[in-house]
Amino acid sequence: MSHARLDHLYRKDLPRGGIAEAEAELSTYLVGAHFGFDFREDSAAYIRGWLEHARADGKGLGKENIDRVMNNARWLINEISARL
């Protein structure tokens, strides 16, 4: 869901892997944490791996990425909450 909401299929500046995966996984972690799920260990390792991949390509997670993650997580939390 996060990949679709973050337009990862259409953003050529965010190739599959690296930053796109980190954005999606961080969004998933935030949504899960909001609803009481503890994905900390698995998510941290996964995000770290994708960020290392991105750094090898000369990219990093910046303010724009964090804003996108937060907006996506907020939207998902609101949508899920409305249906509970």
C-alpha atoms as a PDB file:
ATOM      1  CA  MET A   1       0.000   0.000   0.000  1.00  0.00           C
ATOM      2  CA  SER A   2       2.787   2.431   0.884  1.00  0.00           C
ATOM      3  CA  HIS A   3       4.583   1.872  -2.421  1.00  0.00           C
ATOM      4  CA  ALA A   4       1.376   2.728  -4.273  1.00  0.00           C
ATOM      5  CA  ARG A   5       0.545   5.753  -2.093  1.00  0.00           C
ATOM      6  CA  LEU A   6       4.100   7.078  -2.435  1.00  0.00           C
ATOM      7  CA  ASP A   7       3.933   6.739  -6.259  1.00  0.00           C
ATOM      8  CA  HIS A   8       7.037   4.548  -6.339  1.00  0.00           C
ATOM      9  CA  LEU A   9       5.935   2.913  -9.594  1.00  0.00           C
ATOM     10  CA  TYR A  10       5.978   6.257 -11.405  1.00  0.00           C
ATOM     11  CA  ARG A  11       8.826   8.164  -9.758  1.00  0.00           C
ATOM     12  CA  LYS A  12      11.897   7.633 -11.897  1.00  0.00           C
ATOM     13  CA  ASP A  13      14.004   9.630  -9.406  1.00  0.00           C
ATOM     14  CA  LEU A  14      13.389   6.885  -6.823  1.00  0.00           C
ATOM     15  CA  PRO A  15      14.350   3.608  -8.465  1.00  0.00           C
ATOM     16  CA  ARG A  16      13.050   0.428  -6.843  1.00  0.00           C
ATOM     17  CA  GLY A  17      15.251  -0.258  -3.865  1.00  0.00           C
ATOM     18  CA  GLY A  18      17.169   2.115  -1.669  1.00  0.00           C
ATOM     19  CA  ILE A  19      15.173   5.206  -0.781  1.00  0.00           C
ATOM     20  CA  ALA A  20      11.842   3.917  -2.128  1.00  0.00           C
ATOM     21  CA  GLU A  21      12.047   0.796   0.042  1.00  0.00           C
ATOM     22  CA  ALA A  22      13.161   2.816   3.065  1.00  0.00           C
ATOM     23  CA  GLU A  23      10.209   5.209   2.633  1.00  0.00           C
ATOM     24  CA  ALA A  24       7.718   2.360   2.365  1.00  0.00           C
ATOM     25  CA  GLU A  25       9.145   0.403   5.296  1.00  0.00           C
ATOM     26  CA  LEU A  26       9.364   3.459   7.543  1.00  0.00           C
ATOM     27  CA  SER A  27       5.723   4.262   6.723  1.00  0.00           C
ATOM     28  CA  THR A  28       4.735   0.702   7.562  1.00  0.00           C
ATOM     29  CA  TYR A  29       6.664   0.830  10.820  1.00  0.00           C
ATOM     30  CA  LEU A  30       4.952   4.076  11.879  1.00  0.00           C
ATOM     31  CA  VAL A  31       1.480   2.763  11.080  1.00  0.00           C
ATOM     32  CA  GLY A  32       2.142  -0.499  12.892  1.00  0.00           C
ATOM     33  CA  ALA A  33       3.586   1.298  15.923  1.00  0.00           C
ATOM     34  CA  HIS A  34       0.531   3.565  16.058  1.00  0.00           C
ATOM     35  CA  PHE A  35      -1.708   0.506  16.330  1.00  0.00           C
ATOM     36  CA  GLY A  36       0.481  -1.193  18.934  1.00  0.00           C
ATOM     37  CA  PHE A  37       2.566  -3.562  16.813  1.00  0.00           C
ATOM     38  CA  ASP A  38       6.270  -3.837  17.600  1.00  0.00           C
ATOM     39  CA  PHE A  39       8.122  -4.178  14.288  1.00  0.00           C
ATOM     40  CA  ARG A  40      11.155  -2.308  15.656  1.00  0.00           C
ATOM     41  CA  GLU A  41      13.747  -5.047  15.263  1.00  0.00           C
ATOM     42  CA  ASP A  42      12.701  -6.247  11.825  1.00  0.00           C
ATOM     43  CA  SER A  43      11.962  -2.786  10.457  1.00  0.00           C
ATOM     44  CA  ALA A  44      15.210  -1.274  11.739  1.00  0.00           C
ATOM     45  CA  ALA A  45      17.311  -3.956  10.052  1.00  0.00           C
ATOM     46  CA  TYR A  46      15.332  -3.676   6.823  1.00  0.00           C
ATOM     47  CA  ILE A  47      15.468   0.134   6.730  1.00  0.00           C
ATOM     48  CA  ARG A  48      19.176   0.147   7.596  1.00  0.00           C
ATOM     49  CA  GLY A  49      19.873  -2.244   4.721  1.00  0.00           C
ATOM     50  CA  TRP A  50      17.981  -0.127   2.197  1.00  0.00           C
ATOM     51  CA  LEU A  51      19.630   3.072   3.418  1.00  0.00           C
ATOM     52  CA  GLU A  52      23.076   1.459   3.061  1.00  0.00           C
ATOM     53  CA  HIS A  53      22.059   0.487  -0.479  1.00  0.00           C
ATOM     54  CA  ALA A  54      20.992   4.091  -1.162  1.00  0.00           C
ATOM     55  CA  ARG A  55      24.222   5.526   0.300  1.00  0.00           C
ATOM     56  CA  ALA A  56      26.217   3.270  -2.016  1.00  0.00           C
ATOM     57  CA  ASP A  57      24.351   5.007  -4.870  1.00  0.00           C
ATOM     58  CA  GLY A  58      25.127   8.435  -3.389  1.00  0.00           C
ATOM     59  CA  LYS A  59      21.619   9.047  -2.031  1.00  0.00           C
ATOM     60  CA  GLY A  60      20.225   9.612   1.435  1.00  0.00           C
ATOM     61  CA  LEU A  61      16.965  10.103   3.264  1.00  0.00           C
ATOM     62  CA  GLY A  62      16.214  13.845   3.309  1.00  0.00           C
ATOM     63  CA  LYS A  63      13.482  16.141   4.570  1.00  0.00           C
ATOM     64  CA  GLU A  64      11.362  15.582   1.440  1.00  0.00           C
ATOM     65  CA  ASN A  65      11.473  11.832   2.030  1.00  0.00           C
ATOM     66  CA  ILE A  66      10.578  12.181   5.718  1.00  0.00           C
ATOM     67  CA  ASP A  67       7.689  14.506   4.830  1.00  0.00           C
ATOM     68  CA  ARG A  68       6.413  11.961   2.303  1.00  0.00           C
ATOM     69  CA  VAL A  69       6.701   9.154   4.873  1.00  0.00           C
ATOM     70  CA  MET A  70       4.892  11.140   7.565  1.00  0.00           C
ATOM     71  CA  ASN A  71       2.085  12.217   5.216  1.00  0.00           C
ATOM     72  CA  ASN A  72       1.658   8.662   3.978  1.00  0.00           C
ATOM     73  CA  ALA A  73       1.632   7.191   7.499  1.00  0.00           C
ATOM     74  CA  ARG A  74      -0.847   9.845   8.676  1.00  0.00           C
ATOM     75  CA  TRP A  75      -3.175   9.102   5.751  1.00  0.00           C
ATOM     76  CA  LEU A  76      -3.008   5.332   6.348  1.00  0.00           C
ATOM     77  CA  ILE A  77      -3.625   5.727  10.084  1.00  0.00           C
ATOM     78  CA  ASN A  78      -6.638   7.954   9.424  1.00  0.00           C
ATOM     79  CA  GLU A  79      -8.071   5.577   6.818  1.00  0.00           C
ATOM     80  CA  ILE A  80      -7.621   2.505   9.018  1.00  0.00           C
ATOM     81  CA  SER A  81      -8.987   4.291  12.087  1.00  0.00           C
ATOM     82  CA  ALA A  82     -12.082   5.382  10.175  1.00  0.00           C
ATOM     83  CA  ARG A  83     -12.848   1.756   9.395  1.00  0.00           C
ATOM     84  CA  LEU A  84     -12.308   0.347  12.881  1.00  0.00           C
END
